[in-house]
PDB file of N, CA and C in Angstrom:
ATOM      1  N   MET A   1     -15.662  42.737  69.664  1.00  0.00           N
ATOM      2  CA  MET A   1     -14.585  42.157  70.866  1.00  0.00           C
ATOM      3  C   MET A   1     -13.549  43.296  71.204  1.00  0.00           C
ATOM      4  N   ASP A   2     -13.413  44.271  71.405  1.00  0.00           N
ATOM      5  CA  ASP A   2     -11.984  45.133  72.004  1.00  0.00           C
ATOM      6  C   ASP A   2     -10.850  44.328  72.568  1.00  0.00           C
ATOM      7  N   VAL A   3      -9.669  43.540  72.113  1.00  0.00           N
ATOM      8  CA  VAL A   3      -9.217  42.441  73.122  1.00  0.00           C
ATOM      9  C   VAL A   3      -8.518  43.866  73.773  1.00  0.00           C
ATOM     10  N   THR A   4      -8.133  45.008  73.065  1.00  0.00           N
ATOM     11  CA  THR A   4      -7.202  45.771  74.299  1.00  0.00           C
ATOM     12  C   THR A   4      -7.494  46.319  75.255  1.00  0.00           C
ATOM     13  N   GLN A   5      -8.651  46.350  75.170  1.00  0.00           N
ATOM     14  CA  GLN A   5      -9.879  46.370  76.482  1.00  0.00           C
ATOM     15  C   GLN A   5      -9.603  45.017  77.265  1.00  0.00           C
ATOM     16  N   LEU A   6     -10.212  44.032  76.645  1.00  0.00           N
ATOM     17  CA  LEU A   6      -9.421  42.809  77.791  1.00  0.00           C
ATOM     18  C   LEU A   6      -8.278  42.730  78.174  1.00  0.00           C
ATOM     19  N   ASP A   7      -7.779  43.289  77.700  1.00  0.00           N
ATOM     20  CA  ASP A   7      -5.773  43.434  78.120  1.00  0.00           C
ATOM     21  C   ASP A   7      -5.935  43.950  79.430  1.00  0.00           C
ATOM     22  N   GLN A   8      -6.912  45.169  79.197  1.00  0.00           N
ATOM     23  CA  GLN A   8      -6.779  46.226  80.246  1.00  0.00           C
ATOM     24  C   GLN A   8      -7.615  45.477  81.467  1.00  0.00           C
ATOM     25  N   VAL A   9      -8.721  44.775  81.189  1.00  0.00           N
ATOM     26  CA  VAL A   9      -9.650  44.619  82.331  1.00  0.00           C
ATOM     27  C   VAL A   9      -8.955  43.592  83.099  1.00  0.00           C
ATOM     28  N   LYS A  10      -9.325  43.853  84.818  1.00  0.00           N
ATOM     29  CA  LYS A  10      -9.363  42.488  85.048  1.00  0.00           C
ATOM     30  C   LYS A  10      -9.628  41.274  85.774  1.00  0.00           C
ATOM     31  N   GLU A  11     -11.117  41.539  85.404  1.00  0.00           N
ATOM     32  CA  GLU A  11     -11.685  40.030  85.379  1.00  0.00           C
ATOM     33  C   GLU A  11     -12.800  40.636  84.419  1.00  0.00           C
ATOM     34  N   ILE A  12     -13.211  39.586  84.111  1.00  0.00           N
ATOM     35  CA  ILE A  12     -14.872  39.467  82.610  1.00  0.00           C
ATOM     36  C   ILE A  12     -15.890  38.468  83.138  1.00  0.00           C
ATOM     37  N   ALA A  13     -16.844  38.731  82.949  1.00  0.00           N
ATOM     38  CA  ALA A  13     -17.917  37.794  84.087  1.00  0.00           C
ATOM     39  C   ALA A  13     -17.875  36.527  82.258  1.00  0.00           C
ATOM     40  N   MET A  14     -17.917  35.223  82.601  1.00  0.00           N
ATOM     41  CA  MET A  14     -17.947  34.227  81.486  1.00  0.00           C
ATOM     42  C   MET A  14     -19.481  34.037  81.609  1.00  0.00           C
ATOM     43  N   ARG A  15     -20.321  33.652  80.520  1.00  0.00           N
ATOM     44  CA  ARG A  15     -21.700  33.733  80.809  1.00  0.00           C
ATOM     45  C   ARG A  15     -22.310  32.242  79.979  1.00  0.00           C
ATOM     46  N   THR A  16     -22.440  31.002  80.318  1.00  0.00           N
ATOM     47  CA  THR A  16     -22.533  29.840  79.692  1.00  0.00           C
ATOM     48  C   THR A  16     -23.859  28.999  80.117  1.00  0.00           C
ATOM     49  N   ARG A  17     -24.685  28.458  79.071  1.00  0.00           N
ATOM     50  CA  ARG A  17     -26.309  28.308  79.550  1.00  0.00           C
ATOM     51  C   ARG A  17     -25.794  26.997  80.160  1.00  0.00           C
ATOM     52  N   ARG A  18     -26.845  26.732  81.019  1.00  0.00           N
ATOM     53  CA  ARG A  18     -26.996  25.985  81.558  1.00  0.00           C
ATOM     54  C   ARG A  18     -28.087  24.741  80.807  1.00  0.00           C
ATOM     55  N   ARG A  19     -28.354  23.472  81.204  1.00  0.00           N
ATOM     56  CA  ARG A  19     -29.136  22.808  80.390  1.00  0.00           C
ATOM     57  C   ARG A  19     -30.415  23.171  80.515  1.00  0.00           C
ATOM     58  N   ASP A  20     -30.760  23.981  81.774  1.00  0.00           N
ATOM     59  CA  ASP A  20     -32.503  23.867  81.230  1.00  0.00           C
ATOM     60  C   ASP A  20     -32.236  25.734  80.584  1.00  0.00           C
ATOM     61  N   GLY A  21     -31.274  26.042  79.724  1.00  0.00           N
ATOM     62  CA  GLY A  21     -31.374  27.296  79.319  1.00  0.00           C
ATOM     63  C   GLY A  21     -30.924  28.437  79.944  1.00  0.00           C
ATOM     64  N   SER A  22     -30.864  28.793  80.865  1.00  0.00           N
ATOM     65  CA  SER A  22     -30.756  29.819  81.958  1.00  0.00           C
ATOM     66  C   SER A  22     -29.081  29.342  82.052  1.00  0.00           C
ATOM     67  N   TRP A  23     -28.790  30.978  82.021  1.00  0.00           N
ATOM     68  CA  TRP A  23     -27.326  31.774  81.797  1.00  0.00           C
ATOM     69  C   TRP A  23     -26.993  31.444  83.253  1.00  0.00           C
ATOM     70  N   SER A  24     -25.509  30.736  83.197  1.00  0.00           N
ATOM     71  CA  SER A  24     -24.673  30.976  84.500  1.00  0.00           C
ATOM     72  C   SER A  24     -23.584  32.124  84.268  1.00  0.00           C
ATOM     73  N   SER A  25     -23.370  33.049  85.346  1.00  0.00           N
ATOM     74  CA  SER A  25     -21.939  34.068  84.859  1.00  0.00           C
ATOM     75  C   SER A  25     -20.639  33.938  86.384  1.00  0.00           C
ATOM     76  N   ARG A  26     -19.817  33.816  86.139  1.00  0.00           N
ATOM     77  CA  ARG A  26     -18.573  33.333  86.874  1.00  0.00           C
ATOM     78  C   ARG A  26     -17.483  34.444  86.069  1.00  0.00           C
ATOM     79  N   PRO A  27     -17.160  35.030  87.490  1.00  0.00           N
ATOM     80  CA  PRO A  27     -16.026  36.346  87.229  1.00  0.00           C
ATOM     81  C   PRO A  27     -14.487  35.306  86.889  1.00  0.00           C
ATOM     82  N   ILE A  28     -13.790  35.608  85.860  1.00  0.00           N
ATOM     83  CA  ILE A  28     -12.675  35.166  85.377  1.00  0.00           C
ATOM     84  C   ILE A  28     -11.977  35.969  85.206  1.00  0.00           C
ATOM     85  N   TRP A  29     -10.504  35.400  84.870  1.00  0.00           N
ATOM     86  CA  TRP A  29      -9.490  36.174  84.022  1.00  0.00           C
ATOM     87  C   TRP A  29      -9.179  35.777  83.052  1.00  0.00           C
ATOM     88  N   VAL A  30      -9.231  37.173  82.326  1.00  0.00           N
ATOM     89  CA  VAL A  30      -8.758  36.503  80.965  1.00  0.00           C
ATOM     90  C   VAL A  30      -7.189  37.653  80.172  1.00  0.00           C
ATOM     91  N   VAL A  31      -6.319  37.057  79.484  1.00  0.00           N
ATOM     92  CA  VAL A  31      -4.902  37.754  78.793  1.00  0.00           C
ATOM     93  C   VAL A  31      -4.907  37.826  77.457  1.00  0.00           C
ATOM     94  N   VAL A  32      -4.291  38.416  76.880  1.00  0.00           N
ATOM     95  CA  VAL A  32      -4.035  38.450  75.398  1.00  0.00           C
ATOM     96  C   VAL A  32      -2.891  38.340  74.970  1.00  0.00           C
ATOM     97  N   VAL A  33      -2.595  37.286  74.131  1.00  0.00           N
ATOM     98  CA  VAL A  33      -1.426  36.993  73.472  1.00  0.00           C
ATOM     99  C   VAL A  33      -1.402  36.920  71.900  1.00  0.00           C
ATOM    100  N   ASP A  34      -0.046  38.010  71.173  1.00  0.00           N
ATOM    101  CA  ASP A  34      -0.646  38.426  69.606  1.00  0.00           C
ATOM    102  C   ASP A  34      -1.602  38.736  69.324  1.00  0.00           C
ATOM    103  N   ARG A  35      -2.886  39.598  70.113  1.00  0.00           N
ATOM    104  CA  ARG A  35      -4.310  40.266  69.579  1.00  0.00           C
ATOM    105  C   ARG A  35      -5.322  39.231  69.732  1.00  0.00           C
ATOM    106  N   LYS A  36      -4.886  38.121  70.823  1.00  0.00           N
ATOM    107  CA  LYS A  36      -6.285  37.229  70.843  1.00  0.00           C
ATOM    108  C   LYS A  36      -6.340  37.303  72.762  1.00  0.00           C
ATOM    109  N   ALA A  37      -7.362  36.666  72.559  1.00  0.00           N
ATOM    110  CA  ALA A  37      -7.534  36.721  73.849  1.00  0.00           C
ATOM    111  C   ALA A  37      -7.876  35.396  74.038  1.00  0.00           C
ATOM    112  N   TYR A  38      -7.540  34.956  75.674  1.00  0.00           N
ATOM    113  CA  TYR A  38      -7.043  33.663  76.258  1.00  0.00           C
ATOM    114  C   TYR A  38      -7.687  33.823  77.504  1.00  0.00           C
ATOM    115  N   VAL A  39      -8.739  32.410  78.076  1.00  0.00           N
ATOM    116  CA  VAL A  39      -9.457  31.628  79.149  1.00  0.00           C
ATOM    117  C   VAL A  39      -8.926  30.969  79.351  1.00  0.00           C
ATOM    118  N   ARG A  40      -8.825  30.411  81.228  1.00  0.00           N
ATOM    119  CA  ARG A  40      -8.659  28.977  81.955  1.00  0.00           C
ATOM    120  C   ARG A  40      -9.058  29.250  82.735  1.00  0.00           C
ATOM    121  N   SER A  41      -9.814  27.522  82.879  1.00  0.00           N
ATOM    122  CA  SER A  41     -10.701  27.802  84.299  1.00  0.00           C
ATOM    123  C   SER A  41      -9.651  27.364  85.675  1.00  0.00           C
ATOM    124  N   TYR A  42     -10.178  28.190  86.502  1.00  0.00           N
ATOM    125  CA  TYR A  42      -9.324  28.306  87.793  1.00  0.00           C
ATOM    126  C   TYR A  42      -9.229  26.715  88.813  1.00  0.00           C
ATOM    127  N   ARG A  43     -10.128  26.291  88.235  1.00  0.00           N
ATOM    128  CA  ARG A  43     -10.457  25.047  88.857  1.00  0.00           C
ATOM    129  C   ARG A  43     -10.388  23.656  88.403  1.00  0.00           C
ATOM    130  N   GLY A  44      -9.532  24.010  87.096  1.00  0.00           N
ATOM    131  CA  GLY A  44      -9.409  22.898  85.980  1.00  0.00           C
ATOM    132  C   GLY A  44     -11.007  22.257  84.967  1.00  0.00           C
ATOM    133  N   GLY A  45     -10.828  21.358  84.738  1.00  0.00           N
ATOM    134  CA  GLY A  45     -11.552  20.542  83.955  1.00  0.00           C
ATOM    135  C   GLY A  45     -13.129  20.565  85.196  1.00  0.00           C
ATOM    136  N   GLU A  46     -13.126  20.735  86.424  1.00  0.00           N
ATOM    137  CA  GLU A  46     -14.355  20.590  86.886  1.00  0.00           C
ATOM    138  C   GLU A  46     -15.071  21.922  87.194  1.00  0.00           C
ATOM    139  N   GLY A  47     -14.429  22.967  86.491  1.00  0.00           N
ATOM    140  CA  GLY A  47     -15.197  23.988  86.828  1.00  0.00           C
ATOM    141  C   GLY A  47     -16.535  23.859  85.506  1.00  0.00           C
ATOM    142  N   ASP A  48     -17.444  24.630  86.190  1.00  0.00           N
ATOM    143  CA  ASP A  48     -18.834  24.606  85.443  1.00  0.00           C
ATOM    144  C   ASP A  48     -18.851  25.318  84.739  1.00  0.00           C
ATOM    145  N   TRP A  49     -18.150  26.386  84.614  1.00  0.00           N
ATOM    146  CA  TRP A  49     -18.227  27.153  83.099  1.00  0.00           C
ATOM    147  C   TRP A  49     -17.858  26.364  81.926  1.00  0.00           C
ATOM    148  N   TYR A  50     -16.865  26.390  82.388  1.00  0.00           N
ATOM    149  CA  TYR A  50     -14.866  25.362  81.319  1.00  0.00           C
ATOM    150  C   TYR A  50     -16.270  24.223  81.042  1.00  0.00           C
ATOM    151  N   ARG A  51     -16.860  23.128  81.293  1.00  0.00           N
ATOM    152  CA  ARG A  51     -17.332  22.241  80.996  1.00  0.00           C
ATOM    153  C   ARG A  51     -18.328  22.359  80.147  1.00  0.00           C
ATOM    154  N   ARG A  52     -19.392  23.474  80.709  1.00  0.00           N
ATOM    155  CA  ARG A  52     -20.113  24.011  79.321  1.00  0.00           C
ATOM    156  C   ARG A  52     -19.885  24.554  78.174  1.00  0.00           C
ATOM    157  N   ALA A  53     -18.462  25.441  78.359  1.00  0.00           N
ATOM    158  CA  ALA A  53     -18.026  25.890  76.974  1.00  0.00           C
ATOM    159  C   ALA A  53     -17.303  24.937  76.663  1.00  0.00           C
ATOM    160  N   ARG A  54     -17.002  23.660  76.957  1.00  0.00           N
ATOM    161  CA  ARG A  54     -16.538  23.472  76.174  1.00  0.00           C
ATOM    162  C   ARG A  54     -16.974  22.360  75.145  1.00  0.00           C
ATOM    163  N   ALA A  55     -18.313  22.168  76.456  1.00  0.00           N
ATOM    164  CA  ALA A  55     -19.129  21.127  76.078  1.00  0.00           C
ATOM    165  C   ALA A  55     -19.708  21.522  73.908  1.00  0.00           C
ATOM    166  N   ASP A  56     -20.041  22.858  74.115  1.00  0.00           N
ATOM    167  CA  ASP A  56     -20.804  23.355  72.842  1.00  0.00           C
ATOM    168  C   ASP A  56     -20.121  24.949  71.982  1.00  0.00           C
ATOM    169  N   GLY A  57     -18.874  24.768  72.571  1.00  0.00           N
ATOM    170  CA  GLY A  57     -18.182  25.416  72.406  1.00  0.00           C
ATOM    171  C   GLY A  57     -18.761  26.958  71.880  1.00  0.00           C
ATOM    172  N   SER A  58     -19.314  27.440  72.912  1.00  0.00           N
ATOM    173  CA  SER A  58     -20.104  28.637  72.882  1.00  0.00           C
ATOM    174  C   SER A  58     -20.152  29.316  74.300  1.00  0.00           C
ATOM    175  N   GLY A  59     -20.544  30.709  74.522  1.00  0.00           N
ATOM    176  CA  GLY A  59     -20.973  31.703  75.596  1.00  0.00           C
ATOM    177  C   GLY A  59     -20.973  32.708  75.027  1.00  0.00           C
ATOM    178  N   GLU A  60     -20.853  33.935  76.263  1.00  0.00           N
ATOM    179  CA  GLU A  60     -20.825  35.191  76.225  1.00  0.00           C
ATOM    180  C   GLU A  60     -19.746  36.009  76.933  1.00  0.00           C
ATOM    181  N   ILE A  61     -19.190  36.776  76.688  1.00  0.00           N
ATOM    182  CA  ILE A  61     -18.530  37.528  78.179  1.00  0.00           C
ATOM    183  C   ILE A  61     -19.110  38.886  78.171  1.00  0.00           C
ATOM    184  N   GLN A  62     -18.815  39.310  79.509  1.00  0.00           N
ATOM    185  CA  GLN A  62     -19.462  40.541  80.178  1.00  0.00           C
ATOM    186  C   GLN A  62     -18.339  41.548  79.653  1.00  0.00           C
ATOM    187  N   VAL A  63     -17.829  43.039  79.336  1.00  0.00           N
ATOM    188  CA  VAL A  63     -17.210  43.409  80.249  1.00  0.00           C
ATOM    189  C   VAL A  63     -17.880  44.606  80.780  1.00  0.00           C
ATOM    190  N   GLY A  64     -18.023  45.339  82.029  1.00  0.00           N
ATOM    191  CA  GLY A  64     -18.598  46.346  82.155  1.00  0.00           C
ATOM    192  C   GLY A  64     -20.424  46.431  81.414  1.00  0.00           C
ATOM    193  N   ASP A  65     -20.527  47.216  80.855  1.00  0.00           N
ATOM    194  CA  ASP A  65     -21.808  46.849  80.054  1.00  0.00           C
ATOM    195  C   ASP A  65     -22.403  46.285  79.441  1.00  0.00           C
ATOM    196  N   GLU A  66     -21.116  45.967  78.081  1.00  0.00           N
ATOM    197  CA  GLU A  66     -21.085  45.194  77.077  1.00  0.00           C
ATOM    198  C   GLU A  66     -21.189  43.868  77.214  1.00  0.00           C
ATOM    199  N   VAL A  67     -22.078  43.039  76.675  1.00  0.00           N
ATOM    200  CA  VAL A  67     -22.226  41.918  76.309  1.00  0.00           C
ATOM    201  C   VAL A  67     -22.311  41.036  74.429  1.00  0.00           C
ATOM    202  N   VAL A  68     -20.972  39.840  74.917  1.00  0.00           N
ATOM    203  CA  VAL A  68     -20.286  39.701  73.407  1.00  0.00           C
ATOM    204  C   VAL A  68     -20.737  38.258  73.573  1.00  0.00           C
ATOM    205  N   SER A  69     -21.006  37.579  72.716  1.00  0.00           N
ATOM    206  CA  SER A  69     -21.321  36.254  72.011  1.00  0.00           C
ATOM    207  C   SER A  69     -19.763  36.222  72.034  1.00  0.00           C
ATOM    208  N   VAL A  70     -19.449  34.628  72.369  1.00  0.00           N
ATOM    209  CA  VAL A  70     -18.245  34.204  71.892  1.00  0.00           C
ATOM    210  C   VAL A  70     -17.910  32.511  71.454  1.00  0.00           C
ATOM    211  N   ARG A  71     -17.164  32.430  70.602  1.00  0.00           N
ATOM    212  CA  ARG A  71     -16.951  30.881  70.462  1.00  0.00           C
ATOM    213  C   ARG A  71     -15.552  30.755  71.505  1.00  0.00           C
ATOM    214  N   LEU A  72     -15.716  29.672  71.876  1.00  0.00           N
ATOM    215  CA  LEU A  72     -14.236  28.662  72.695  1.00  0.00           C
ATOM    216  C   LEU A  72     -13.683  27.785  72.038  1.00  0.00           C
ATOM    217  N   GLU A  73     -12.272  28.185  71.952  1.00  0.00           N
ATOM    218  CA  GLU A  73     -11.615  26.976  71.227  1.00  0.00           C
ATOM    219  C   GLU A  73     -10.495  26.286  72.060  1.00  0.00           C
ATOM    220  N   SER A  74     -10.526  25.122  72.412  1.00  0.00           N
ATOM    221  CA  SER A  74      -9.560  24.251  73.205  1.00  0.00           C
ATOM    222  C   SER A  74      -8.164  24.717  72.579  1.00  0.00           C
ATOM    223  N   VAL A  75      -7.146  25.075  73.547  1.00  0.00           N
ATOM    224  CA  VAL A  75      -5.633  25.394  72.839  1.00  0.00           C
ATOM    225  C   VAL A  75      -4.694  24.356  73.254  1.00  0.00           C
ATOM    226  N   HIS A  76      -4.005  23.575  72.216  1.00  0.00           N
ATOM    227  CA  HIS A  76      -3.217  22.290  72.700  1.00  0.00           C
ATOM    228  C   HIS A  76      -2.115  22.389  72.515  1.00  0.00           C
ATOM    229  N   ASP A  77      -1.458  24.077  72.156  1.00  0.00           N
ATOM    230  CA  ASP A  77      -0.130  23.706  71.300  1.00  0.00           C
ATOM    231  C   ASP A  77       0.642  24.570  72.931  1.00  0.00           C
ATOM    232  N   ASP A  78       1.366  23.590  72.792  1.00  0.00           N
ATOM    233  CA  ASP A  78       2.329  23.731  74.677  1.00  0.00           C
ATOM    234  C   ASP A  78       3.316  25.050  74.221  1.00  0.00           C
ATOM    235  N   ALA A  79       3.917  25.890  72.926  1.00  0.00           N
ATOM    236  CA  ALA A  79       4.744  26.944  72.824  1.00  0.00           C
ATOM    237  C   ALA A  79       4.026  27.956  73.337  1.00  0.00           C
ATOM    238  N   LEU A  80       2.350  27.970  72.635  1.00  0.00           N
ATOM    239  CA  LEU A  80       1.266  29.155  72.965  1.00  0.00           C
ATOM    240  C   LEU A  80       0.964  28.465  74.234  1.00  0.00           C
ATOM    241  N   ASN A  81       0.478  27.792  75.026  1.00  0.00           N
ATOM    242  CA  ASN A  81       0.194  27.520  75.926  1.00  0.00           C
ATOM    243  C   ASN A  81       1.385  28.512  77.522  1.00  0.00           C
ATOM    244  N   GLN A  82       2.820  27.918  76.466  1.00  0.00           N
ATOM    245  CA  GLN A  82       3.769  29.139  77.475  1.00  0.00           C
ATOM    246  C   GLN A  82       3.621  30.429  77.347  1.00  0.00           C
ATOM    247  N   ARG A  83       3.492  30.672  76.554  1.00  0.00           N
ATOM    248  CA  ARG A  83       3.232  32.038  76.499  1.00  0.00           C
ATOM    249  C   ARG A  83       2.094  32.881  77.195  1.00  0.00           C
ATOM    250  N   VAL A  84       1.003  31.938  77.183  1.00  0.00           N
ATOM    251  CA  VAL A  84      -0.525  32.495  77.535  1.00  0.00           C
ATOM    252  C   VAL A  84      -0.016  32.312  79.151  1.00  0.00           C
ATOM    253  N   SER A  85       0.578  31.267  80.123  1.00  0.00           N
ATOM    254  CA  SER A  85       1.209  31.341  80.934  1.00  0.00           C
ATOM    255  C   SER A  85       2.194  32.516  81.495  1.00  0.00           C
ATOM    256  N   GLU A  86       2.706  33.144  80.586  1.00  0.00           N
ATOM    257  CA  GLU A  86       3.836  34.527  80.729  1.00  0.00           C
ATOM    258  C   GLU A  86       2.601  35.982  80.733  1.00  0.00           C
ATOM    259  N   ALA A  87       1.358  35.839  79.544  1.00  0.00           N
ATOM    260  CA  ALA A  87       0.278  36.868  80.047  1.00  0.00           C
ATOM    261  C   ALA A  87      -0.200  36.499  81.719  1.00  0.00           C
ATOM    262  N   TYR A  88      -0.490  35.488  81.597  1.00  0.00           N
ATOM    263  CA  TYR A  88      -0.855  35.391  83.539  1.00  0.00           C
ATOM    264  C   TYR A  88       0.163  35.980  83.904  1.00  0.00           C
ATOM    265  N   ARG A  89       0.789  35.570  84.520  1.00  0.00           N
ATOM    266  CA  ARG A  89       2.270  35.443  84.948  1.00  0.00           C
ATOM    267  C   ARG A  89       2.471  37.624  84.916  1.00  0.00           C
ATOM    268  N   ASP A  90       2.705  37.798  83.515  1.00  0.00           N
ATOM    269  CA  ASP A  90       2.785  39.809  83.827  1.00  0.00           C
ATOM    270  C   ASP A  90       1.576  40.550  84.238  1.00  0.00           C
ATOM    271  N   LYS A  91       0.267  40.271  83.957  1.00  0.00           N
ATOM    272  CA  LYS A  91      -0.844  40.699  84.361  1.00  0.00           C
ATOM    273  C   LYS A  91      -1.183  40.887  85.569  1.00  0.00           C
ATOM    274  N   TYR A  92      -0.783  39.332  86.555  1.00  0.00           N
ATOM    275  CA  TYR A  92      -1.652  39.027  87.383  1.00  0.00           C
ATOM    276  C   TYR A  92      -1.258  38.456  89.075  1.00  0.00           C
ATOM    277  N   ALA A  93       0.548  38.355  88.577  1.00  0.00           N
ATOM    278  CA  ALA A  93       1.170  37.826  89.657  1.00  0.00           C
ATOM    279  C   ALA A  93       1.334  38.645  90.719  1.00  0.00           C
ATOM    280  N   ALA A  94       1.671  40.570  90.668  1.00  0.00           N
ATOM    281  CA  ALA A  94       2.064  41.443  91.597  1.00  0.00           C
ATOM    282  C   ALA A  94       0.903  41.536  92.602  1.00  0.00           C
ATOM    283  N   ASP A  95       0.070  41.578  91.869  1.00  0.00           N
ATOM    284  CA  ASP A  95      -1.585  41.429  92.824  1.00  0.00           C
ATOM    285  C   ASP A  95      -1.614  40.016  93.290  1.00  0.00           C
ATOM    286  N   SER A  96      -2.043  39.221  93.152  1.00  0.00           N
ATOM    287  CA  SER A  96      -2.656  37.876  93.205  1.00  0.00           C
ATOM    288  C   SER A  96      -1.632  36.602  92.977  1.00  0.00           C
ATOM    289  N   PRO A  97      -0.110  36.501  93.605  1.00  0.00           N
ATOM    290  CA  PRO A  97       0.706  35.960  93.723  1.00  0.00           C
ATOM    291  C   PRO A  97       0.194  33.997  93.482  1.00  0.00           C
ATOM    292  N   GLY A  98      -0.461  33.905  94.634  1.00  0.00           N
ATOM    293  CA  GLY A  98      -1.476  32.570  94.868  1.00  0.00           C
ATOM    294  C   GLY A  98      -2.020  32.348  93.698  1.00  0.00           C
ATOM    295  N   PRO A  99      -3.275  32.609  93.359  1.00  0.00           N
ATOM    296  CA  PRO A  99      -3.906  32.266  92.570  1.00  0.00           C
ATOM    297  C   PRO A  99      -3.472  32.558  91.028  1.00  0.00           C
ATOM    298  N   THR A 100      -2.586  33.561  90.604  1.00  0.00           N
ATOM    299  CA  THR A 100      -1.612  32.960  89.289  1.00  0.00           C
ATOM    300  C   THR A 100      -1.122  31.995  89.329  1.00  0.00           C
ATOM    301  N   GLU A 101      -0.026  31.182  90.128  1.00  0.00           N
ATOM    302  CA  GLU A 101       0.519  30.235  89.533  1.00  0.00           C
ATOM    303  C   GLU A 101      -0.471  29.173  89.976  1.00  0.00           C
ATOM    304  N   SER A 102      -1.641  29.019  90.310  1.00  0.00           N
ATOM    305  CA  SER A 102      -2.333  28.190  90.603  1.00  0.00           C
ATOM    306  C   SER A 102      -2.757  28.316  88.607  1.00  0.00           C
ATOM    307  N   MET A 103      -2.950  29.316  88.296  1.00  0.00           N
ATOM    308  CA  MET A 103      -3.503  29.223  87.160  1.00  0.00           C
ATOM    309  C   MET A 103      -2.483  29.220  85.655  1.00  0.00           C
ATOM    310  N   VAL A 104      -0.873  29.136  85.870  1.00  0.00           N
ATOM    311  CA  VAL A 104      -0.085  28.779  84.819  1.00  0.00           C
ATOM    312  C   VAL A 104       0.701  27.005  84.806  1.00  0.00           C
ATOM    313  N   GLY A 105      -0.107  26.648  86.008  1.00  0.00           N
ATOM    314  CA  GLY A 105       0.453  24.789  86.584  1.00  0.00           C
ATOM    315  C   GLY A 105      -0.828  24.351  86.448  1.00  0.00           C
ATOM    316  N   GLY A 106      -0.537  22.641  86.403  1.00  0.00           N
ATOM    317  CA  GLY A 106      -1.779  22.138  87.432  1.00  0.00           C
ATOM    318  C   GLY A 106      -2.626  21.846  85.839  1.00  0.00           C
ATOM    319  N   GLU A 107      -3.668  21.444  86.533  1.00  0.00           N
ATOM    320  CA  GLU A 107      -4.527  21.522  85.877  1.00  0.00           C
ATOM    321  C   GLU A 107      -5.654  22.497  85.282  1.00  0.00           C
ATOM    322  N   ALA A 108      -5.280  23.846  85.732  1.00  0.00           N
ATOM    323  CA  ALA A 108      -5.718  24.790  84.596  1.00  0.00           C
ATOM    324  C   ALA A 108      -5.209  25.194  83.397  1.00  0.00           C
ATOM    325  N   LEU A 109      -3.872  25.195  83.742  1.00  0.00           N
ATOM    326  CA  LEU A 109      -3.048  24.908  82.410  1.00  0.00           C
ATOM    327  C   LEU A 109      -3.700  24.074  81.100  1.00  0.00           C
ATOM    328  N   ALA A 110      -4.433  22.991  81.163  1.00  0.00           N
ATOM    329  CA  ALA A 110      -4.964  22.197  80.201  1.00  0.00           C
ATOM    330  C   ALA A 110      -6.643  22.865  79.778  1.00  0.00           C
ATOM    331  N   THR A 111      -6.592  23.663  80.762  1.00  0.00           N
ATOM    332  CA  THR A 111      -8.402  24.460  79.881  1.00  0.00           C
ATOM    333  C   THR A 111      -7.828  25.892  79.082  1.00  0.00           C
ATOM    334  N   THR A 112      -7.101  25.787  78.657  1.00  0.00           N
ATOM    335  CA  THR A 112      -6.375  27.254  78.072  1.00  0.00           C
ATOM    336  C   THR A 112      -7.649  27.292  76.518  1.00  0.00           C
ATOM    337  N   MET A 113      -8.485  28.385  76.841  1.00  0.00           N
ATOM    338  CA  MET A 113      -9.579  28.749  75.649  1.00  0.00           C
ATOM    339  C   MET A 113      -9.083  29.904  75.025  1.00  0.00           C
ATOM    340  N   ARG A 114      -9.649  30.103  73.441  1.00  0.00           N
ATOM    341  CA  ARG A 114      -9.069  31.520  73.007  1.00  0.00           C
ATOM    342  C   ARG A 114     -10.232  31.218  72.672  1.00  0.00           C
ATOM    343  N   LEU A 115     -10.320  32.893  72.577  1.00  0.00           N
ATOM    344  CA  LEU A 115     -12.063  34.010  72.957  1.00  0.00           C
ATOM    345  C   LEU A 115     -12.208  34.468  71.351  1.00  0.00           C
ATOM    346  N   THR A 116     -13.083  34.063  70.139  1.00  0.00           N
ATOM    347  CA  THR A 116     -13.155  34.659  69.372  1.00  0.00           C
ATOM    348  C   THR A 116     -14.614  35.383  69.172  1.00  0.00           C
ATOM    349  N   PRO A 117     -14.997  36.262  68.381  1.00  0.00           N
ATOM    350  CA  PRO A 117     -16.288  36.719  68.349  1.00  0.00           C
ATOM    351  C   PRO A 117     -17.259  35.597  67.557  1.00  0.00           C
ATOM    352  N   ALA A 118     -18.732  35.589  67.889  1.00  0.00           N
ATOM    353  CA  ALA A 118     -19.576  34.426  67.552  1.00  0.00           C
ATOM    354  C   ALA A 118     -19.692  34.881  66.294  1.00  0.00           C
TER     355      ALA A 118
END
């Protein structure tokens, strides 16, 4: 997983397994802080992909034609969460100010997850 590429794309596809074993795919935003990738759920804890990823700690991301298996780890460090919020603002606020503010506060803030290759 090339974090430089993740830092440059606007969206990735987050793929998580449903209970029946089929894949679900959702476009999500991704940011990079200290060469590590982070994602959040726009719908907070109610996001289907987030609930599935949190339950089993795994999924896949798709960037262009490349699909990579990933581990997802919840982040509970306030200082790091602040830096992730700043990265969201830097990357997305100019094009999508309203959605960006939703991603840096409220329920979305509590859904920060670090992506690492599986």
